[in-house]
Protein backbone atom coordinates (compact mmCIF):
# COMPACT_ATOMS: atom_id res chain seq x y z
CA MET A 1 38.51 5.68 50.92
CA THR A 2 39.09 2.29 52.47
CA THR A 3 37.28 -0.07 50.12
CA ASN A 4 36.15 -2.36 52.95
CA PHE A 5 33.88 0.39 54.27
CA THR A 6 30.47 0.69 52.62
CA LEU A 7 28.62 3.90 53.47
CA SER A 8 24.94 3.80 54.28
CA ALA A 9 22.53 6.23 55.95
CA PHE A 10 19.22 6.53 57.72
CA GLY A 11 17.52 8.33 54.83
CA ASP A 12 14.52 9.38 56.89
CA GLU A 13 16.81 11.92 58.53
CA ILE A 14 16.73 13.77 55.19
CA ASP A 15 13.01 13.85 54.43
CA ALA A 16 9.87 11.79 54.95
CA ASP A 17 9.63 11.09 51.22
CA LEU A 18 11.59 8.00 50.23
CA GLU A 19 12.51 9.19 46.74
CA THR A 20 13.85 12.47 48.16
CA GLN A 21 16.04 10.43 50.51
CA LEU A 22 17.43 8.34 47.66
CA LYS A 23 18.09 11.30 45.38
CA LEU A 24 20.22 13.13 47.94
CA LEU A 25 22.19 10.05 48.96
CA ALA A 26 22.81 9.18 45.31
CA GLU A 27 24.09 12.70 44.71
CA GLU A 28 26.55 12.14 47.55
CA GLY A 29 27.71 8.81 46.14
CA ILE A 30 25.94 6.65 48.74
CA ARG A 31 23.99 3.68 47.42
CA HIS A 32 22.80 1.97 50.59
CA LEU A 33 19.94 2.84 52.93
CA GLU A 34 19.25 1.81 56.52
CA LEU A 35 15.51 1.53 56.08
CA ARG A 36 13.68 2.95 59.10
CA ARG A 37 10.88 5.21 57.82
CA ALA A 38 9.37 5.96 54.42
CA TRP A 39 6.58 8.44 53.70
CA GLY A 40 6.38 9.16 57.41
CA LYS A 41 5.71 5.53 58.38
CA ASN A 42 7.97 3.11 60.19
CA VAL A 43 9.18 0.24 58.02
CA LEU A 44 7.23 -2.22 60.18
CA ASP A 45 4.02 -0.29 59.53
CA LEU A 46 4.29 -0.23 55.74
CA ASP A 47 1.61 -2.34 54.07
CA ALA A 48 2.33 -4.80 51.26
CA ASP A 49 1.74 -2.23 48.52
CA GLU A 50 4.00 0.31 50.22
CA LEU A 51 6.76 -2.26 50.67
CA ARG A 52 6.57 -3.12 46.97
CA GLN A 53 6.61 0.58 46.05
CA ALA A 54 9.69 1.08 48.24
CA LYS A 55 11.45 -1.89 46.66
CA THR A 56 10.70 -0.56 43.18
CA LEU A 57 12.15 2.85 44.09
CA LEU A 58 15.26 1.36 45.64
CA ASP A 59 15.85 -0.81 42.61
CA SER A 60 15.31 2.08 40.21
CA TYR A 61 18.00 4.13 41.99
CA GLY A 62 20.37 1.17 42.31
CA PHE A 63 20.21 1.04 46.13
CA GLY A 64 20.78 -1.79 48.54
CA VAL A 65 19.52 -1.94 52.13
CA SER A 66 22.20 -2.20 54.80
CA ALA A 67 19.74 -3.17 57.55
CA ILE A 68 16.10 -2.95 58.51
CA GLY A 69 16.16 -0.09 61.03
CA SER A 70 13.43 -1.57 63.18
CA PRO A 71 12.27 -0.18 66.55
CA ILE A 72 12.06 -3.69 68.02
CA GLY A 73 13.07 -3.58 71.67
CA LYS A 74 12.22 0.12 72.02
CA SER A 75 9.26 -0.91 74.11
CA GLN A 76 8.49 -1.44 77.76
CA LEU A 77 8.99 -4.81 79.40
CA ALA A 78 5.39 -4.44 80.57
CA GLN A 79 4.33 -5.33 77.03
CA PRO A 80 3.66 -9.05 76.48
CA ARG A 81 6.47 -10.98 74.81
CA SER A 82 4.25 -11.55 71.80
CA PHE A 83 4.29 -7.82 70.98
CA GLU A 84 7.90 -7.82 69.78
CA GLN A 85 7.77 -11.38 68.46
CA GLU A 86 4.96 -10.36 66.10
CA ARG A 87 6.86 -7.26 65.03
CA MET A 88 9.93 -9.42 64.44
CA GLN A 89 7.96 -11.44 61.90
CA ARG A 90 7.23 -8.21 60.01
CA ALA A 91 10.89 -7.22 60.20
CA ILE A 92 11.94 -10.62 58.86
CA ALA A 93 9.51 -10.26 55.94
CA ALA A 94 10.90 -6.78 55.19
CA ALA A 95 14.49 -8.04 55.36
CA ASP A 96 13.61 -10.78 52.90
CA MET A 97 11.97 -8.33 50.50
CA PHE A 98 14.88 -5.87 50.57
CA GLY A 99 17.65 -8.45 50.47
CA THR A 100 19.38 -7.62 53.74
CA LYS A 101 20.57 -10.04 56.42
CA LEU A 102 20.56 -7.47 59.24
CA ILE A 103 17.79 -6.19 61.52
CA ARG A 104 18.58 -3.44 64.04
CA VAL A 105 17.08 -4.02 67.51
CA PHE A 106 17.16 -2.65 71.06
CA SER A 107 16.86 -4.26 74.49
CA PHE A 108 13.82 -2.74 76.19
CA TYR A 109 12.89 0.14 78.45
CA TYR A 110 12.31 -0.92 82.03
CA GLU A 111 11.40 0.28 85.51
CA GLY A 112 13.57 -0.25 88.56
CA ALA A 113 17.07 -1.68 88.82
CA PRO A 114 18.71 -3.35 85.79
CA SER A 115 19.49 -6.39 87.92
CA ALA A 116 15.79 -6.90 88.62
CA VAL A 117 14.87 -7.12 84.93
CA ARG A 118 18.00 -8.81 83.60
CA GLY A 119 16.51 -12.31 83.40
CA GLU A 120 13.44 -11.21 81.48
CA VAL A 121 15.47 -9.05 79.07
CA LEU A 122 17.78 -11.98 78.31
CA ARG A 123 14.86 -14.35 77.78
CA ARG A 124 13.16 -11.96 75.38
CA MET A 125 16.33 -11.21 73.44
CA ALA A 126 17.07 -14.93 73.15
CA LEU A 127 13.60 -15.57 71.72
CA LEU A 128 14.02 -12.77 69.18
CA ALA A 129 17.46 -14.06 68.23
CA LEU A 130 15.99 -17.53 67.72
CA GLN A 131 13.39 -16.10 65.32
CA ALA A 132 16.14 -14.37 63.38
CA GLU A 133 18.40 -17.43 63.35
CA GLN A 134 15.61 -19.63 62.02
CA ALA A 135 15.12 -17.11 59.20
CA GLY A 136 18.84 -16.99 58.40
CA LEU A 137 19.15 -13.39 59.62
CA THR A 138 21.20 -11.50 62.22
CA LEU A 139 19.98 -9.00 64.80
CA VAL A 140 22.35 -6.10 65.48
CA HIS A 141 21.73 -4.60 68.90
CA GLU A 142 22.18 -0.84 69.13
CA ASN A 143 23.36 0.55 72.44
CA GLU A 144 20.81 3.23 73.31
CA LYS A 145 20.50 5.41 76.39
CA ASP A 146 17.91 4.19 78.92
CA ILE A 147 17.41 0.70 77.49
CA TYR A 148 18.90 -2.35 79.23
CA GLY A 149 21.87 -2.55 76.87
CA ASP A 150 23.05 1.04 77.09
CA THR A 151 26.34 0.83 78.99
CA PRO A 152 29.30 -1.20 77.71
CA GLU A 153 28.99 -3.62 80.62
CA ARG A 154 25.31 -4.38 80.05
CA CYS A 155 25.83 -4.70 76.30
CA TYR A 156 28.51 -7.29 77.02
CA ASP A 157 26.28 -9.07 79.54
CA LEU A 158 23.44 -9.20 77.02
CA LEU A 159 25.47 -10.43 74.05
CA SER A 160 27.61 -12.93 75.94
CA SER A 161 24.77 -14.33 78.04
CA VAL A 162 22.37 -14.85 75.13
CA GLY A 163 25.33 -16.29 73.23
CA SER A 164 23.54 -16.53 69.89
CA PRO A 165 25.32 -16.10 66.55
CA ALA A 166 22.16 -14.28 65.44
CA LEU A 167 22.57 -11.52 68.06
CA ARG A 168 25.44 -9.16 67.37
CA MET A 169 26.35 -5.50 68.01
CA ALA A 170 25.60 -2.26 66.17
CA PHE A 171 28.29 -0.06 67.74
CA ASP A 172 27.14 3.56 68.18
CA PRO A 173 29.83 5.87 69.62
CA ALA A 174 27.53 8.82 70.40
CA ASN A 175 25.13 6.67 72.38
CA PHE A 176 27.99 5.47 74.58
CA VAL A 177 29.10 9.08 75.11
CA GLN A 178 25.57 9.97 76.23
CA CYS A 179 25.85 7.17 78.82
CA GLY A 180 29.14 8.60 80.10
CA ALA A 181 31.35 5.90 78.55
CA ARG A 182 34.42 6.49 76.37
CA PRO A 183 33.65 4.49 73.23
CA MET A 184 37.14 3.29 72.35
CA HIS A 185 38.58 3.04 75.85
CA GLU A 186 35.68 1.45 77.72
CA ALA A 187 33.22 0.01 75.18
CA TRP A 188 35.35 -1.27 72.33
CA PRO A 189 37.66 -3.55 74.37
CA LEU A 190 34.61 -5.29 75.87
CA LEU A 191 32.54 -5.54 72.71
CA THR A 192 34.89 -5.86 69.75
CA GLU A 193 34.25 -9.62 69.36
CA PHE A 194 30.53 -8.93 68.89
CA VAL A 195 30.63 -5.92 66.55
CA ASP A 196 29.20 -6.57 63.07
CA HIS A 197 27.74 -3.14 62.28
CA ILE A 198 28.69 0.50 62.87
CA HIS A 199 26.53 3.59 63.31
CA ILE A 200 28.27 6.92 62.76
CA LYS A 201 27.10 9.54 65.22
CA ASP A 202 29.16 11.80 67.51
CA ALA A 203 28.38 13.64 70.74
CA PHE A 204 29.85 15.72 73.58
CA PHE A 205 30.30 14.44 77.13
CA ASP A 206 29.41 17.72 78.80
CA ASP A 207 25.82 18.01 77.55
CA GLY A 208 25.19 14.98 75.32
CA ARG A 209 24.78 17.24 72.30
CA ILE A 210 25.07 15.51 68.90
CA CYS A 211 27.58 16.80 66.36
CA PRO A 212 29.18 15.77 63.05
CA ALA A 213 31.63 12.88 63.13
CA GLY A 214 35.04 13.82 64.50
CA GLU A 215 33.91 16.97 66.29
CA GLY A 216 32.84 15.42 69.59
CA ASP A 217 34.00 12.89 72.16
CA GLY A 218 32.93 9.77 70.24
CA GLN A 219 36.52 8.90 69.26
CA ILE A 220 35.39 8.21 65.69
CA PRO A 221 38.85 8.71 64.12
CA GLU A 222 40.18 6.07 66.53
CA LEU A 223 37.27 3.78 65.71
CA LEU A 224 37.90 4.08 61.97
CA ALA A 225 41.60 3.38 62.47
CA VAL A 226 40.88 0.23 64.48
CA LEU A 227 38.32 -0.94 61.93
CA GLY A 228 40.89 -0.46 59.19
CA GLU A 229 43.48 -2.48 61.11
CA ARG A 230 40.90 -5.19 61.74
CA GLN A 231 40.04 -5.18 58.01
CA TYR A 232 36.39 -4.66 58.87
CA VAL A 233 34.14 -5.50 55.94
CA GLY A 234 30.76 -3.91 56.54
CA TYR A 235 28.70 -0.77 56.75
CA LEU A 236 29.33 2.62 58.24
CA THR A 237 25.78 3.88 58.62
CA LEU A 238 25.25 7.60 59.11
CA GLU A 239 22.68 8.39 61.80
CA PRO A 240 23.60 12.04 62.34
CA HIS A 241 20.67 13.41 64.45
CA LEU A 242 21.95 16.95 63.80
CA GLN A 243 18.59 18.72 64.24
CA ILE A 244 16.48 16.37 66.32
CA ALA A 245 17.51 13.41 68.50
CA GLY A 246 14.71 11.55 70.22
CA PRO A 247 13.52 8.08 71.27
CA ALA A 248 11.65 7.58 67.98
CA GLY A 249 14.65 8.53 65.83
CA GLY A 250 16.37 11.66 64.63
CA PHE A 251 16.32 14.27 61.91
CA SER A 252 19.10 16.18 60.19
CA GLY A 253 17.48 17.66 57.08
CA ALA A 254 19.04 17.63 53.64
CA GLU A 255 21.87 20.01 54.46
CA GLY A 256 22.51 18.36 57.80
CA MET A 257 22.92 15.01 56.09
CA ARG A 258 25.34 16.52 53.57
CA VAL A 259 27.36 17.99 56.46
CA ALA A 260 27.40 14.59 58.17
CA ILE A 261 28.52 12.78 55.01
CA GLN A 262 31.30 15.28 54.34
CA ALA A 263 32.48 15.12 57.96
CA LEU A 264 32.75 11.34 57.81
CA ARG A 265 34.53 11.38 54.45
CA ARG A 266 37.16 13.75 55.84
CA LEU A 267 37.97 11.12 58.48
CA LEU A 268 38.22 8.15 56.14
CA PRO A 269 41.75 7.04 55.24
């Protein structure tokens, strides 16, 4: 395995129970978690006692947190700006507790034409990036179907126009496929300068169906090769979605996660 790559995973795709997530990942030799949900609750909804309990479990299993897998930006622009700014404060507190510098974000659901909402999306993302920058953290924007930053072109517009060192890219090949874009031919050339984080998920162009890494049209072998050449130092975070893929997240089950891990390892140099 290329030593620059550190594997992580969205453990809530295994089971709702946090300890069950950690046990399986540890068995597979993975010691980092992208913390999205524990005990059936989103990380931003965990109370102080639950956050401490999660930290104790992670420490006991020797786990680090690759990023806070927040849902920030998976909301309608009709919400007041304060809605996501308040949630960002909770995400910042969680990042501080778990010792990660990264918070995953999105760029809003909207009605009408993208051009009509562009200004408001950029203003909101700039405000969120400012919160992160003041806390010494980095937001990694995940390209997601049906949010403003779903296509390569709008991701580039978002990242370059906000122009903040605290707003970077979580590159997700499958999500680009589901938007009809070839990840390595159309997205990567535009976005490479912004990419600080990688999500490993694959999909087919014909129906958008999710599949293990290397089996679909996500060009993941090509991505891994380019990352190796670039001497990328960072996480490859498994987000397999092999049973369920929805707006609130995905689910793979224990065996599905094992399949996803093994598929990725077969592709690693």
